[in-house]
PDB file of all heavy atoms in Angstrom:
ATOM      1  N   ASP A   1     203.213 257.285 -98.829  1.00  0.00           N
ATOM      2  CA  ASP A   1     203.738 258.391 -97.993  1.00  0.00           C
ATOM      3  C   ASP A   1     203.980 258.018 -96.588  1.00  0.00           C
ATOM      4  O   ASP A   1     204.345 258.899 -95.840  1.00  0.00           O
ATOM      5  CB  ASP A   1     202.766 259.545 -98.124  1.00  0.00           C
ATOM      6  CG  ASP A   1     201.344 259.148 -97.704  1.00  0.00           C
ATOM      7  OD1 ASP A   1     201.136 258.075 -97.158  1.00  0.00           O
ATOM      8  OD2 ASP A   1     200.483 259.903 -97.928  1.00  0.00           O
ATOM      9  N   GLN A   2     203.886 256.746 -96.317  1.00  0.00           N
ATOM     10  CA  GLN A   2     204.134 256.295 -94.933  1.00  0.00           C
ATOM     11  C   GLN A   2     203.232 256.921 -93.864  1.00  0.00           C
ATOM     12  O   GLN A   2     203.564 256.956 -92.700  1.00  0.00           O
ATOM     13  CB  GLN A   2     205.612 256.371 -94.598  1.00  0.00           C
ATOM     14  CG  GLN A   2     206.516 255.585 -95.481  1.00  0.00           C
ATOM     15  CD  GLN A   2     207.966 255.717 -95.086  1.00  0.00           C
ATOM     16  OE1 GLN A   2     208.288 256.087 -93.903  1.00  0.00           O
ATOM     17  NE2 GLN A   2     208.893 255.303 -95.940  1.00  0.00           N
ATOM     18  N   LYS A   3     202.064 257.318 -94.237  1.00  0.00           N
ATOM     19  CA  LYS A   3     201.096 257.928 -93.259  1.00  0.00           C
ATOM     20  C   LYS A   3     200.392 256.844 -92.515  1.00  0.00           C
ATOM     21  O   LYS A   3     199.987 255.803 -93.080  1.00  0.00           O
ATOM     22  CB  LYS A   3     200.066 258.800 -93.977  1.00  0.00           C
ATOM     23  CG  LYS A   3     200.699 260.143 -94.411  1.00  0.00           C
ATOM     24  CD  LYS A   3     199.607 261.172 -94.824  1.00  0.00           C
ATOM     25  CE  LYS A   3     200.145 262.490 -95.128  1.00  0.00           C
ATOM     26  NZ  LYS A   3     199.120 263.487 -95.444  1.00  0.00           N
ATOM     27  N   LEU A   4     200.198 257.146 -91.262  1.00  0.00           N
ATOM     28  CA  LEU A   4     199.537 256.167 -90.345  1.00  0.00           C
ATOM     29  C   LEU A   4     198.053 256.114 -90.747  1.00  0.00           C
ATOM     30  O   LEU A   4     197.304 257.044 -90.723  1.00  0.00           O
ATOM     31  CB  LEU A   4     199.714 256.652 -88.933  1.00  0.00           C
ATOM     32  CG  LEU A   4     199.215 255.738 -87.820  1.00  0.00           C
ATOM     33  CD1 LEU A   4     200.015 254.428 -87.827  1.00  0.00           C
ATOM     34  CD2 LEU A   4     199.355 256.473 -86.483  1.00  0.00           C
ATOM     35  N   ARG A   5     197.523 254.875 -91.080  1.00  0.00           N
ATOM     36  CA  ARG A   5     196.173 254.641 -91.306  1.00  0.00           C
ATOM     37  C   ARG A   5     195.288 254.357 -90.137  1.00  0.00           C
ATOM     38  O   ARG A   5     194.261 254.975 -89.807  1.00  0.00           O
ATOM     39  CB  ARG A   5     195.982 253.538 -92.354  1.00  0.00           C
ATOM     40  CG  ARG A   5     196.612 253.829 -93.692  1.00  0.00           C
ATOM     41  CD  ARG A   5     196.422 252.677 -94.712  1.00  0.00           C
ATOM     42  NE  ARG A   5     194.979 252.481 -94.906  1.00  0.00           N
ATOM     43  CZ  ARG A   5     194.441 251.332 -95.302  1.00  0.00           C
ATOM     44  NH1 ARG A   5     195.183 250.261 -95.488  1.00  0.00           N
ATOM     45  NH2 ARG A   5     193.105 251.257 -95.526  1.00  0.00           N
ATOM     46  N   PHE A   6     195.714 253.371 -89.295  1.00  0.00           N
ATOM     47  CA  PHE A   6     195.013 253.028 -88.137  1.00  0.00           C
ATOM     48  C   PHE A   6     195.911 252.167 -87.254  1.00  0.00           C
ATOM     49  O   PHE A   6     197.024 251.744 -87.678  1.00  0.00           O
ATOM     50  CB  PHE A   6     193.686 252.288 -88.360  1.00  0.00           C
ATOM     51  CG  PHE A   6     193.903 250.942 -89.085  1.00  0.00           C
ATOM     52  CD1 PHE A   6     194.100 249.800 -88.358  1.00  0.00           C
ATOM     53  CD2 PHE A   6     193.782 250.930 -90.460  1.00  0.00           C
ATOM     54  CE1 PHE A   6     194.311 248.622 -89.056  1.00  0.00           C
ATOM     55  CE2 PHE A   6     193.944 249.739 -91.130  1.00  0.00           C
ATOM     56  CZ  PHE A   6     194.241 248.536 -90.436  1.00  0.00           C
ATOM     57  N   GLY A   7     195.605 252.002 -86.031  1.00  0.00           N
ATOM     58  CA  GLY A   7     196.390 251.209 -85.105  1.00  0.00           C
ATOM     59  C   GLY A   7     195.536 250.338 -84.185  1.00  0.00           C
ATOM     60  O   GLY A   7     194.387 250.579 -83.957  1.00  0.00           O
ATOM     61  N   ILE A   8     196.216 249.359 -83.588  1.00  0.00           N
ATOM     62  CA  ILE A   8     195.586 248.508 -82.518  1.00  0.00           C
ATOM     63  C   ILE A   8     196.552 248.283 -81.411  1.00  0.00           C
ATOM     64  O   ILE A   8     197.723 248.510 -81.529  1.00  0.00           O
ATOM     65  CB  ILE A   8     195.145 247.128 -83.149  1.00  0.00           C
ATOM     66  CG1 ILE A   8     196.440 246.302 -83.533  1.00  0.00           C
ATOM     67  CG2 ILE A   8     194.199 247.214 -84.222  1.00  0.00           C
ATOM     68  CD1 ILE A   8     196.150 244.849 -83.893  1.00  0.00           C
ATOM     69  N   ASN A   9     195.971 247.955 -80.305  1.00  0.00           N
ATOM     70  CA  ASN A   9     196.809 247.738 -79.039  1.00  0.00           C
ATOM     71  C   ASN A   9     196.241 246.583 -78.318  1.00  0.00           C
ATOM     72  O   ASN A   9     195.124 246.582 -77.875  1.00  0.00           O
ATOM     73  CB  ASN A   9     196.779 249.028 -78.123  1.00  0.00           C
ATOM     74  CG  ASN A   9     197.562 248.872 -76.903  1.00  0.00           C
ATOM     75  OD1 ASN A   9     198.256 247.862 -76.666  1.00  0.00           O
ATOM     76  ND2 ASN A   9     197.525 249.818 -76.064  1.00  0.00           N
ATOM     77  N   LEU A  10     197.095 245.457 -78.191  1.00  0.00           N
ATOM     78  CA  LEU A  10     196.693 244.275 -77.547  1.00  0.00           C
ATOM     79  C   LEU A  10     197.296 244.252 -76.203  1.00  0.00           C
ATOM     80  O   LEU A  10     198.564 244.420 -76.033  1.00  0.00           O
ATOM     81  CB  LEU A  10     197.081 243.055 -78.321  1.00  0.00           C
ATOM     82  CG  LEU A  10     196.543 242.852 -79.737  1.00  0.00           C
ATOM     83  CD1 LEU A  10     197.017 241.548 -80.357  1.00  0.00           C
ATOM     84  CD2 LEU A  10     195.057 242.935 -79.726  1.00  0.00           C
ATOM     85  N   GLU A  11     196.548 244.048 -75.065  1.00  0.00           N
ATOM     86  CA  GLU A  11     197.165 244.053 -73.781  1.00  0.00           C
ATOM     87  C   GLU A  11     196.387 243.041 -72.913  1.00  0.00           C
ATOM     88  O   GLU A  11     195.280 243.223 -72.497  1.00  0.00           O
ATOM     89  CB  GLU A  11     197.098 245.465 -73.109  1.00  0.00           C
ATOM     90  CG  GLU A  11     197.752 245.514 -71.733  1.00  0.00           C
ATOM     91  CD  GLU A  11     197.858 246.831 -71.204  1.00  0.00           C
ATOM     92  OE1 GLU A  11     197.428 247.816 -71.887  1.00  0.00           O
ATOM     93  OE2 GLU A  11     198.368 247.006 -70.060  1.00  0.00           O
ATOM     94  N   PHE A  12     197.099 241.915 -72.603  1.00  0.00           N
ATOM     95  CA  PHE A  12     196.558 240.877 -71.728  1.00  0.00           C
ATOM     96  C   PHE A  12     197.745 239.962 -71.424  1.00  0.00           C
ATOM     97  O   PHE A  12     198.761 239.887 -72.145  1.00  0.00           O
ATOM     98  CB  PHE A  12     195.462 240.151 -72.396  1.00  0.00           C
ATOM     99  CG  PHE A  12     195.721 239.637 -73.755  1.00  0.00           C
ATOM    100  CD1 PHE A  12     196.332 238.406 -74.071  1.00  0.00           C
ATOM    101  CD2 PHE A  12     195.278 240.391 -74.907  1.00  0.00           C
ATOM    102  CE1 PHE A  12     196.521 237.941 -75.304  1.00  0.00           C
ATOM    103  CE2 PHE A  12     195.533 239.934 -76.228  1.00  0.00           C
ATOM    104  CZ  PHE A  12     196.131 238.725 -76.451  1.00  0.00           C
ATOM    105  N   PRO A  13     197.726 239.300 -70.287  1.00  0.00           N
ATOM    106  CA  PRO A  13     198.811 238.408 -69.778  1.00  0.00           C
ATOM    107  C   PRO A  13     199.018 237.254 -70.850  1.00  0.00           C
ATOM    108  O   PRO A  13     198.079 236.769 -71.453  1.00  0.00           O
ATOM    109  CB  PRO A  13     198.329 237.848 -68.464  1.00  0.00           C
ATOM    110  CG  PRO A  13     197.409 238.827 -68.031  1.00  0.00           C
ATOM    111  CD  PRO A  13     196.688 239.314 -69.269  1.00  0.00           C
ATOM    112  N   TRP A  14     200.291 236.863 -71.026  1.00  0.00           N
ATOM    113  CA  TRP A  14     200.599 235.728 -71.887  1.00  0.00           C
ATOM    114  C   TRP A  14     200.283 234.421 -71.204  1.00  0.00           C
ATOM    115  O   TRP A  14     200.658 234.293 -70.060  1.00  0.00           O
ATOM    116  CB  TRP A  14     202.096 235.797 -72.310  1.00  0.00           C
ATOM    117  CG  TRP A  14     202.435 234.721 -73.282  1.00  0.00           C
ATOM    118  CD1 TRP A  14     202.342 234.745 -74.620  1.00  0.00           C
ATOM    119  CD2 TRP A  14     202.832 233.364 -72.982  1.00  0.00           C
ATOM    120  NE1 TRP A  14     202.705 233.579 -75.228  1.00  0.00           N
ATOM    121  CE2 TRP A  14     203.006 232.712 -74.216  1.00  0.00           C
ATOM    122  CE3 TRP A  14     203.106 232.684 -71.821  1.00  0.00           C
ATOM    123  CZ2 TRP A  14     203.472 231.362 -74.312  1.00  0.00           C
ATOM    124  CZ3 TRP A  14     203.464 231.281 -71.870  1.00  0.00           C
ATOM    125  CH2 TRP A  14     203.671 230.571 -73.176  1.00  0.00           C
ATOM    126  N   GLU A  15     199.643 233.514 -71.880  1.00  0.00           N
ATOM    127  CA  GLU A  15     199.381 232.191 -71.381  1.00  0.00           C
ATOM    128  C   GLU A  15     199.547 231.136 -72.451  1.00  0.00           C
ATOM    129  O   GLU A  15     199.194 231.363 -73.607  1.00  0.00           O
ATOM    130  CB  GLU A  15     197.938 232.056 -70.726  1.00  0.00           C
ATOM    131  CG  GLU A  15     197.669 232.908 -69.540  1.00  0.00           C
ATOM    132  CD  GLU A  15     196.191 232.762 -69.048  1.00  0.00           C
ATOM    133  OE1 GLU A  15     195.427 232.011 -69.757  1.00  0.00           O
ATOM    134  OE2 GLU A  15     195.878 233.351 -68.087  1.00  0.00           O
ATOM    135  N   GLN A  16     200.141 230.001 -72.059  1.00  0.00           N
ATOM    136  CA  GLN A  16     200.381 228.976 -73.050  1.00  0.00           C
ATOM    137  C   GLN A  16     199.059 228.407 -73.530  1.00  0.00           C
ATOM    138  O   GLN A  16     198.127 228.272 -72.770  1.00  0.00           O
ATOM    139  CB  GLN A  16     201.181 227.833 -72.408  1.00  0.00           C
ATOM    140  CG  GLN A  16     201.654 226.751 -73.436  1.00  0.00           C
ATOM    141  CD  GLN A  16     200.613 225.704 -73.708  1.00  0.00           C
ATOM    142  OE1 GLN A  16     199.793 225.363 -72.839  1.00  0.00           O
ATOM    143  NE2 GLN A  16     200.651 225.155 -74.908  1.00  0.00           N
ATOM    144  N   ASN A  17     198.953 228.207 -74.815  1.00  0.00           N
ATOM    145  CA  ASN A  17     197.664 227.765 -75.461  1.00  0.00           C
ATOM    146  C   ASN A  17     197.974 226.810 -76.567  1.00  0.00           C
ATOM    147  O   ASN A  17     198.738 227.144 -77.490  1.00  0.00           O
ATOM    148  CB  ASN A  17     196.930 228.965 -75.986  1.00  0.00           C
ATOM    149  CG  ASN A  17     195.525 228.584 -76.486  1.00  0.00           C
ATOM    150  OD1 ASN A  17     195.414 228.101 -77.608  1.00  0.00           O
ATOM    151  ND2 ASN A  17     194.544 228.867 -75.746  1.00  0.00           N
ATOM    152  N   ASP A  18     197.422 225.548 -76.571  1.00  0.00           N
ATOM    153  CA  ASP A  18     197.751 224.601 -77.578  1.00  0.00           C
ATOM    154  C   ASP A  18     197.334 225.022 -78.961  1.00  0.00           C
ATOM    155  O   ASP A  18     197.982 224.894 -79.987  1.00  0.00           O
ATOM    156  CB  ASP A  18     197.035 223.243 -77.202  1.00  0.00           C
ATOM    157  CG  ASP A  18     197.654 222.576 -75.990  1.00  0.00           C
ATOM    158  OD1 ASP A  18     198.750 222.918 -75.612  1.00  0.00           O
ATOM    159  OD2 ASP A  18     196.952 221.708 -75.373  1.00  0.00           O
ATOM    160  N   SER A  19     196.165 225.650 -78.992  1.00  0.00           N
ATOM    161  CA  SER A  19     195.701 226.161 -80.300  1.00  0.00           C
ATOM    162  C   SER A  19     196.675 227.189 -80.895  1.00  0.00           C
ATOM    163  O   SER A  19     197.028 227.186 -82.093  1.00  0.00           O
ATOM    164  CB  SER A  19     194.263 226.736 -80.187  1.00  0.00           C
ATOM    165  OG  SER A  19     193.339 225.763 -79.806  1.00  0.00           O
ATOM    166  N   MET A  20     197.133 228.127 -79.990  1.00  0.00           N
ATOM    167  CA  MET A  20     198.038 229.152 -80.524  1.00  0.00           C
ATOM    168  C   MET A  20     199.388 228.557 -80.933  1.00  0.00           C
ATOM    169  O   MET A  20     200.030 229.001 -81.810  1.00  0.00           O
ATOM    170  CB  MET A  20     198.212 230.284 -79.443  1.00  0.00           C
ATOM    171  CG  MET A  20     197.024 231.166 -79.281  1.00  0.00           C
ATOM    172  SD  MET A  20     196.585 232.045 -80.808  1.00  0.00           S
ATOM    173  CE  MET A  20     198.041 233.064 -81.021  1.00  0.00           C
ATOM    174  N   ASP A  21     199.806 227.500 -80.175  1.00  0.00           N
ATOM    175  CA  ASP A  21     201.020 226.870 -80.517  1.00  0.00           C
ATOM    176  C   ASP A  21     200.963 226.287 -81.952  1.00  0.00           C
ATOM    177  O   ASP A  21     201.894 226.368 -82.779  1.00  0.00           O
ATOM    178  CB  ASP A  21     201.330 225.661 -79.532  1.00  0.00           C
ATOM    179  CG  ASP A  21     201.785 226.145 -78.216  1.00  0.00           C
ATOM    180  OD1 ASP A  21     202.390 227.240 -78.195  1.00  0.00           O
ATOM    181  OD2 ASP A  21     201.639 225.454 -77.139  1.00  0.00           O
ATOM    182  N   SER A  22     199.800 225.619 -82.240  1.00  0.00           N
ATOM    183  CA  SER A  22     199.588 225.041 -83.597  1.00  0.00           C
ATOM    184  C   SER A  22     199.563 226.226 -84.657  1.00  0.00           C
ATOM    185  O   SER A  22     200.111 226.118 -85.762  1.00  0.00           O
ATOM    186  CB  SER A  22     198.335 224.286 -83.619  1.00  0.00           C
ATOM    187  OG  SER A  22     198.057 223.779 -84.902  1.00  0.00           O
ATOM    188  N   LEU A  23     198.794 227.345 -84.345  1.00  0.00           N
ATOM    189  CA  LEU A  23     198.633 228.371 -85.270  1.00  0.00           C
ATOM    190  C   LEU A  23     199.999 229.115 -85.657  1.00  0.00           C
ATOM    191  O   LEU A  23     200.125 229.587 -86.763  1.00  0.00           O
ATOM    192  CB  LEU A  23     197.604 229.288 -84.866  1.00  0.00           C
ATOM    193  CG  LEU A  23     196.139 228.927 -84.914  1.00  0.00           C
ATOM    194  CD1 LEU A  23     195.250 229.867 -84.132  1.00  0.00           C
ATOM    195  CD2 LEU A  23     195.746 228.717 -86.332  1.00  0.00           C
ATOM    196  N   THR A  24     200.871 229.247 -84.629  1.00  0.00           N
ATOM    197  CA  THR A  24     202.028 229.993 -84.804  1.00  0.00           C
ATOM    198  C   THR A  24     203.331 229.125 -85.123  1.00  0.00           C
ATOM    199  O   THR A  24     204.411 229.660 -85.184  1.00  0.00           O
ATOM    200  CB  THR A  24     202.325 230.879 -83.471  1.00  0.00           C
ATOM    201  OG1 THR A  24     202.463 229.953 -82.399  1.00  0.00           O
ATOM    202  CG2 THR A  24     201.158 231.800 -83.304  1.00  0.00           C
ATOM    203  N   LYS A  25     203.052 227.899 -85.323  1.00  0.00           N
ATOM    204  CA  LYS A  25     204.244 226.969 -85.557  1.00  0.00           C
ATOM    205  C   LYS A  25     205.030 227.339 -86.709  1.00  0.00           C
ATOM    206  O   LYS A  25     206.271 227.252 -86.751  1.00  0.00           O
ATOM    207  CB  LYS A  25     203.730 225.568 -85.565  1.00  0.00           C
ATOM    208  CG  LYS A  25     204.861 224.550 -85.678  1.00  0.00           C
ATOM    209  CD  LYS A  25     204.285 223.145 -85.577  1.00  0.00           C
ATOM    210  CE  LYS A  25     203.094 222.804 -86.445  1.00  0.00           C
ATOM    211  NZ  LYS A  25     202.641 221.439 -86.245  1.00  0.00           N
ATOM    212  N   SER A  26     204.311 227.768 -87.775  1.00  0.00           N
ATOM    213  CA  SER A  26     205.041 228.162 -89.018  1.00  0.00           C
ATOM    214  C   SER A  26     205.385 229.649 -89.153  1.00  0.00           C
ATOM    215  O   SER A  26     205.861 230.084 -90.215  1.00  0.00           O
ATOM    216  CB  SER A  26     204.180 227.802 -90.263  1.00  0.00           C
ATOM    217  OG  SER A  26     202.950 228.478 -90.174  1.00  0.00           O
ATOM    218  N   LEU A  27     205.150 230.398 -88.049  1.00  0.00           N
ATOM    219  CA  LEU A  27     205.386 231.863 -88.172  1.00  0.00           C
ATOM    220  C   LEU A  27     206.831 232.195 -88.233  1.00  0.00           C
ATOM    221  O   LEU A  27     207.256 233.079 -88.872  1.00  0.00           O
ATOM    222  CB  LEU A  27     204.777 232.533 -86.952  1.00  0.00           C
ATOM    223  CG  LEU A  27     204.755 234.101 -86.978  1.00  0.00           C
ATOM    224  CD1 LEU A  27     204.020 234.599 -88.138  1.00  0.00           C
ATOM    225  CD2 LEU A  27     204.152 234.633 -85.676  1.00  0.00           C
ATOM    226  N   GLY A  28     207.613 231.461 -87.596  1.00  0.00           N
ATOM    227  CA  GLY A  28     209.075 231.609 -87.562  1.00  0.00           C
ATOM    228  C   GLY A  28     209.549 232.694 -86.650  1.00  0.00           C
ATOM    229  O   GLY A  28     208.700 233.439 -85.969  1.00  0.00           O
ATOM    230  N   LYS A  29     210.792 232.871 -86.482  1.00  0.00           N
ATOM    231  CA  LYS A  29     211.443 233.826 -85.546  1.00  0.00           C
ATOM    232  C   LYS A  29     211.417 235.175 -86.227  1.00  0.00           C
ATOM    233  O   LYS A  29     211.432 235.343 -87.402  1.00  0.00           O
ATOM    234  CB  LYS A  29     212.842 233.414 -85.163  1.00  0.00           C
ATOM    235  CG  LYS A  29     212.910 232.246 -84.168  1.00  0.00           C
ATOM    236  CD  LYS A  29     212.387 232.536 -82.886  1.00  0.00           C
ATOM    237  CE  LYS A  29     212.594 231.481 -81.912  1.00  0.00           C
ATOM    238  NZ  LYS A  29     212.020 231.763 -80.565  1.00  0.00           N
ATOM    239  N   GLN A  30     211.469 236.234 -85.359  1.00  0.00           N
ATOM    240  CA  GLN A  30     211.562 237.628 -85.830  1.00  0.00           C
ATOM    241  C   GLN A  30     212.853 237.859 -86.447  1.00  0.00           C
ATOM    242  O   GLN A  30     213.899 237.513 -85.976  1.00  0.00           O
ATOM    243  CB  GLN A  30     211.395 238.532 -84.618  1.00  0.00           C
ATOM    244  CG  GLN A  30     211.453 239.986 -84.883  1.00  0.00           C
ATOM    245  CD  GLN A  30     211.308 240.791 -83.676  1.00  0.00           C
ATOM    246  OE1 GLN A  30     210.494 240.487 -82.803  1.00  0.00           O
ATOM    247  NE2 GLN A  30     212.110 241.791 -83.532  1.00  0.00           N
ATOM    248  N   GLY A  31     212.862 238.330 -87.797  1.00  0.00           N
ATOM    249  CA  GLY A  31     214.112 238.604 -88.489  1.00  0.00           C
ATOM    250  C   GLY A  31     214.829 239.817 -88.032  1.00  0.00           C
ATOM    251  O   GLY A  31     214.268 240.670 -87.310  1.00  0.00           O
ATOM    252  N   LYS A  32     216.157 239.864 -88.369  1.00  0.00           N
ATOM    253  CA  LYS A  32     216.940 241.097 -88.056  1.00  0.00           C
ATOM    254  C   LYS A  32     216.866 242.212 -89.096  1.00  0.00           C
ATOM    255  O   LYS A  32     216.806 241.859 -90.319  1.00  0.00           O
ATOM    256  CB  LYS A  32     218.387 240.707 -87.816  1.00  0.00           C
ATOM    257  CG  LYS A  32     218.529 239.789 -86.579  1.00  0.00           C
ATOM    258  CD  LYS A  32     220.017 239.547 -86.355  1.00  0.00           C
ATOM    259  CE  LYS A  32     220.291 238.708 -85.049  1.00  0.00           C
ATOM    260  NZ  LYS A  32     221.659 238.450 -84.826  1.00  0.00           N
ATOM    261  N   LEU A  33     216.778 243.399 -88.680  1.00  0.00           N
ATOM    262  CA  LEU A  33     216.638 244.386 -89.678  1.00  0.00           C
ATOM    263  C   LEU A  33     217.871 244.567 -90.531  1.00  0.00           C
ATOM    264  O   LEU A  33     217.762 244.999 -91.697  1.00  0.00           O
ATOM    265  CB  LEU A  33     216.374 245.798 -88.904  1.00  0.00           C
ATOM    266  CG  LEU A  33     215.071 245.932 -88.133  1.00  0.00           C
ATOM    267  CD1 LEU A  33     215.102 247.126 -87.257  1.00  0.00           C
ATOM    268  CD2 LEU A  33     213.927 245.972 -89.118  1.00  0.00           C
ATOM    269  N   THR A  34     219.028 244.274 -89.948  1.00  0.00           N
ATOM    270  CA  THR A  34     220.297 244.342 -90.780  1.00  0.00           C
ATOM    271  C   THR A  34     220.163 243.314 -91.931  1.00  0.00           C
ATOM    272  O   THR A  34     220.723 243.560 -93.013  1.00  0.00           O
ATOM    273  CB  THR A  34     221.467 244.063 -89.934  1.00  0.00           C
ATOM    274  OG1 THR A  34     221.279 242.897 -89.118  1.00  0.00           O
ATOM    275  CG2 THR A  34     221.763 245.255 -88.980  1.00  0.00           C
ATOM    276  N   VAL A  35     219.624 242.165 -91.650  1.00  0.00           N
ATOM    277  CA  VAL A  35     219.442 241.128 -92.769  1.00  0.00           C
ATOM    278  C   VAL A  35     218.515 241.628 -93.774  1.00  0.00           C
ATOM    279  O   VAL A  35     218.715 241.477 -94.975  1.00  0.00           O
ATOM    280  CB  VAL A  35     218.976 239.821 -92.129  1.00  0.00           C
ATOM    281  CG1 VAL A  35     218.683 238.775 -93.214  1.00  0.00           C
ATOM    282  CG2 VAL A  35     220.009 239.257 -91.158  1.00  0.00           C
ATOM    283  N   LEU A  36     217.404 242.209 -93.424  1.00  0.00           N
ATOM    284  CA  LEU A  36     216.397 242.788 -94.359  1.00  0.00           C
ATOM    285  C   LEU A  36     217.088 243.795 -95.236  1.00  0.00           C
ATOM    286  O   LEU A  36     216.874 243.809 -96.414  1.00  0.00           O
ATOM    287  CB  LEU A  36     215.268 243.435 -93.572  1.00  0.00           C
ATOM    288  CG  LEU A  36     214.264 244.272 -94.394  1.00  0.00           C
ATOM    289  CD1 LEU A  36     213.561 243.360 -95.410  1.00  0.00           C
ATOM    290  CD2 LEU A  36     213.274 245.018 -93.433  1.00  0.00           C
TER     291      LEU A  36
END
């Protein structure tokens, strides 16, 4: 029914991080809704 179950909000400055670079390497770019 597309009802909202729960939510989160992340708020902090972006900083380069080697560990995050490694973890997100395979995440890929955000796709386009028209393609979906």
